[in-house]
Amino acid sequence: MSYTCISAEQAKAMISSGAQIADVRDPASFSNGHIPGAVALSNETLQDFLQDADPDQPWIVVCYHGHSSQGAASYLAGQGFDDIYSMDGGFELWRQLFPDMIETGKGE
């Protein structure tokens, strides 16, 4: 079980095709800006996420710069998520490339 590293451009294309986003940054950073539709994923929300998320759906894990997301993607792959990705460059790169595709607030 493994995950695939993808570029921000690949992530954007996958999102437009229905891929889901799991953002593993801290709640304050998530609230200040995240990819539209992203789910905040933390140690506090992990059990609910594992219970509620569809493991057959493509999931892209995002962090600050693309490092922490690799560990989280590996963990999710080990939990039975078959279609899992880590976005290289993280949210900071997304912010630079797609400044018009950012939401603020706590999300759902």
C-alpha atoms as a PDB file:
ATOM      1  CA  MET A   1       0.000   0.000   0.000  1.00  0.00           C
ATOM      2  CA  SER A   2       1.445   3.288  -1.040  1.00  0.00           C
ATOM      3  CA  TYR A   3       0.668   6.790  -2.193  1.00  0.00           C
ATOM      4  CA  THR A   4       1.774   8.911  -5.148  1.00  0.00           C
ATOM      5  CA  CYS A   5       3.364  12.362  -5.028  1.00  0.00           C
ATOM      6  CA  ILE A   6       1.748  14.780  -7.479  1.00  0.00           C
ATOM      7  CA  SER A   7       2.276  18.387  -8.501  1.00  0.00           C
ATOM      8  CA  ALA A   8      -0.097  21.208  -7.618  1.00  0.00           C
ATOM      9  CA  GLU A   9      -1.154  21.323 -11.267  1.00  0.00           C
ATOM     10  CA  GLN A  10      -1.985  17.615 -11.217  1.00  0.00           C
ATOM     11  CA  ALA A  11      -3.890  18.117  -7.958  1.00  0.00           C
ATOM     12  CA  LYS A  12      -5.914  20.953  -9.491  1.00  0.00           C
ATOM     13  CA  ALA A  13      -6.879  18.738 -12.444  1.00  0.00           C
ATOM     14  CA  MET A  14      -7.810  15.862 -10.127  1.00  0.00           C
ATOM     15  CA  ILE A  15      -9.916  18.152  -7.916  1.00  0.00           C
ATOM     16  CA  SER A  16     -11.873  19.301 -10.966  1.00  0.00           C
ATOM     17  CA  SER A  17     -12.522  15.600 -11.669  1.00  0.00           C
ATOM     18  CA  GLY A  18     -13.862  14.969  -8.157  1.00  0.00           C
ATOM     19  CA  ALA A  19     -10.828  14.163  -5.986  1.00  0.00           C
ATOM     20  CA  GLN A  20     -11.168  15.082  -2.306  1.00  0.00           C
ATOM     21  CA  ILE A  21      -8.652  17.120  -0.275  1.00  0.00           C
ATOM     22  CA  ALA A  22      -7.466  16.319   3.255  1.00  0.00           C
ATOM     23  CA  ASP A  23      -5.520  19.259   4.746  1.00  0.00           C
ATOM     24  CA  VAL A  24      -3.237  18.282   7.647  1.00  0.00           C
ATOM     25  CA  ARG A  25      -2.127  21.790   8.646  1.00  0.00           C
ATOM     26  CA  ASP A  26      -3.069  23.252  12.028  1.00  0.00           C
ATOM     27  CA  PRO A  27      -6.627  24.598  12.474  1.00  0.00           C
ATOM     28  CA  ALA A  28      -5.577  28.273  12.472  1.00  0.00           C
ATOM     29  CA  SER A  29      -3.689  27.916   9.198  1.00  0.00           C
ATOM     30  CA  PHE A  30      -6.592  25.994   7.666  1.00  0.00           C
ATOM     31  CA  SER A  31      -9.024  28.714   8.758  1.00  0.00           C
ATOM     32  CA  ASN A  32      -6.791  31.430   7.271  1.00  0.00           C
ATOM     33  CA  GLY A  33      -6.865  29.748   3.857  1.00  0.00           C
ATOM     34  CA  HIS A  34      -7.288  26.338   2.245  1.00  0.00           C
ATOM     35  CA  ILE A  35      -8.132  24.673  -1.035  1.00  0.00           C
ATOM     36  CA  PRO A  36     -11.892  24.939  -1.652  1.00  0.00           C
ATOM     37  CA  GLY A  37     -13.728  21.885  -0.355  1.00  0.00           C
ATOM     38  CA  ALA A  38     -10.796  20.653   1.736  1.00  0.00           C
ATOM     39  CA  VAL A  39     -11.397  18.688   4.922  1.00  0.00           C
ATOM     40  CA  ALA A  40      -9.286  19.641   7.946  1.00  0.00           C
ATOM     41  CA  LEU A  41      -7.544  16.487   9.152  1.00  0.00           C
ATOM     42  CA  SER A  42      -5.802  16.433  12.536  1.00  0.00           C
ATOM     43  CA  ASN A  43      -5.172  13.970  15.334  1.00  0.00           C
ATOM     44  CA  GLU A  44      -8.427  15.212  16.878  1.00  0.00           C
ATOM     45  CA  THR A  45     -10.498  14.577  13.735  1.00  0.00           C
ATOM     46  CA  LEU A  46      -8.705  11.460  12.481  1.00  0.00           C
ATOM     47  CA  GLN A  47     -11.079   8.836  13.898  1.00  0.00           C
ATOM     48  CA  ASP A  48     -14.155  10.607  12.520  1.00  0.00           C
ATOM     49  CA  PHE A  49     -12.401  11.020   9.177  1.00  0.00           C
ATOM     50  CA  LEU A  50     -11.519   7.320   8.991  1.00  0.00           C
ATOM     51  CA  GLN A  51     -15.103   6.420   9.862  1.00  0.00           C
ATOM     52  CA  ASP A  52     -16.786   8.857   7.453  1.00  0.00           C
ATOM     53  CA  ALA A  53     -14.436   9.205   4.467  1.00  0.00           C
ATOM     54  CA  ASP A  54     -14.838   7.011   1.396  1.00  0.00           C
ATOM     55  CA  PRO A  55     -11.565   5.039   1.067  1.00  0.00           C
ATOM     56  CA  ASP A  56     -12.316   4.261  -2.593  1.00  0.00           C
ATOM     57  CA  GLN A  57     -12.470   7.962  -3.467  1.00  0.00           C
ATOM     58  CA  PRO A  58      -9.265   9.669  -4.656  1.00  0.00           C
ATOM     59  CA  TRP A  59      -7.827  11.713  -1.746  1.00  0.00           C
ATOM     60  CA  ILE A  60      -5.086  14.326  -2.011  1.00  0.00           C
ATOM     61  CA  VAL A  61      -3.274  15.124   1.249  1.00  0.00           C
ATOM     62  CA  VAL A  62      -1.994  18.694   1.600  1.00  0.00           C
ATOM     63  CA  CYS A  63       0.260  20.260   4.257  1.00  0.00           C
ATOM     64  CA  TYR A  64       2.414  23.406   4.367  1.00  0.00           C
ATOM     65  CA  HIS A  65       5.238  22.498   1.985  1.00  0.00           C
ATOM     66  CA  GLY A  66       4.627  18.886   0.937  1.00  0.00           C
ATOM     67  CA  HIS A  67       6.567  16.993   3.621  1.00  0.00           C
ATOM     68  CA  SER A  68       4.075  16.194   6.409  1.00  0.00           C
ATOM     69  CA  SER A  69       1.490  15.213   3.819  1.00  0.00           C
ATOM     70  CA  GLN A  70       3.696  12.304   2.739  1.00  0.00           C
ATOM     71  CA  GLY A  71       3.552  10.743   6.199  1.00  0.00           C
ATOM     72  CA  ALA A  72      -0.194  11.313   6.400  1.00  0.00           C
ATOM     73  CA  ALA A  73      -0.722   9.865   2.906  1.00  0.00           C
ATOM     74  CA  SER A  74       1.332   6.813   3.851  1.00  0.00           C
ATOM     75  CA  TYR A  75      -0.753   6.372   7.003  1.00  0.00           C
ATOM     76  CA  LEU A  76      -4.033   6.643   5.082  1.00  0.00           C
ATOM     77  CA  ALA A  77      -2.784   4.151   2.492  1.00  0.00           C
ATOM     78  CA  GLY A  78      -2.109   1.776   5.380  1.00  0.00           C
ATOM     79  CA  GLN A  79      -5.693   2.320   6.586  1.00  0.00           C
ATOM     80  CA  GLY A  80      -7.128   1.031   3.312  1.00  0.00           C
ATOM     81  CA  PHE A  81      -7.281   4.195   1.209  1.00  0.00           C
ATOM     82  CA  ASP A  82      -6.423   2.861  -2.239  1.00  0.00           C
ATOM     83  CA  ASP A  83      -6.258   6.080  -4.248  1.00  0.00           C
ATOM     84  CA  ILE A  84      -4.121   8.437  -2.138  1.00  0.00           C
ATOM     85  CA  TYR A  85      -1.811  11.285  -3.144  1.00  0.00           C
ATOM     86  CA  SER A  86       0.518  13.779  -1.497  1.00  0.00           C
ATOM     87  CA  MET A  87       0.745  17.209  -3.131  1.00  0.00           C
ATOM     88  CA  ASP A  88       4.323  18.385  -3.616  1.00  0.00           C
ATOM     89  CA  GLY A  89       4.932  21.986  -2.523  1.00  0.00           C
ATOM     90  CA  GLY A  90       1.933  21.974  -0.187  1.00  0.00           C
ATOM     91  CA  PHE A  91      -0.516  24.788   0.352  1.00  0.00           C
ATOM     92  CA  GLU A  92       2.212  27.430   0.117  1.00  0.00           C
ATOM     93  CA  LEU A  93       2.856  26.477  -3.513  1.00  0.00           C
ATOM     94  CA  TRP A  94      -0.897  26.255  -4.199  1.00  0.00           C
ATOM     95  CA  ARG A  95      -1.292  29.801  -2.817  1.00  0.00           C
ATOM     96  CA  GLN A  96       1.372  31.052  -5.246  1.00  0.00           C
ATOM     97  CA  LEU A  97       0.037  29.213  -8.294  1.00  0.00           C
ATOM     98  CA  PHE A  98      -3.717  29.540  -7.733  1.00  0.00           C
ATOM     99  CA  PRO A  99      -4.383  32.615  -5.551  1.00  0.00           C
ATOM    100  CA  ASP A 100      -7.995  32.752  -6.758  1.00  0.00           C
ATOM    101  CA  MET A 101      -8.676  29.182  -5.582  1.00  0.00           C
ATOM    102  CA  ILE A 102      -8.511  29.668  -1.805  1.00  0.00           C
ATOM    103  CA  GLU A 103     -11.299  29.612   0.797  1.00  0.00           C
ATOM    104  CA  THR A 104     -11.153  30.898   4.342  1.00  0.00           C
ATOM    105  CA  GLY A 105     -13.007  29.813   7.435  1.00  0.00           C
ATOM    106  CA  LYS A 106     -13.359  26.468   9.144  1.00  0.00           C
ATOM    107  CA  GLY A 107     -15.084  24.799   6.197  1.00  0.00           C
ATOM    108  CA  GLU A 108     -17.742  22.208   6.947  1.00  0.00           C
END
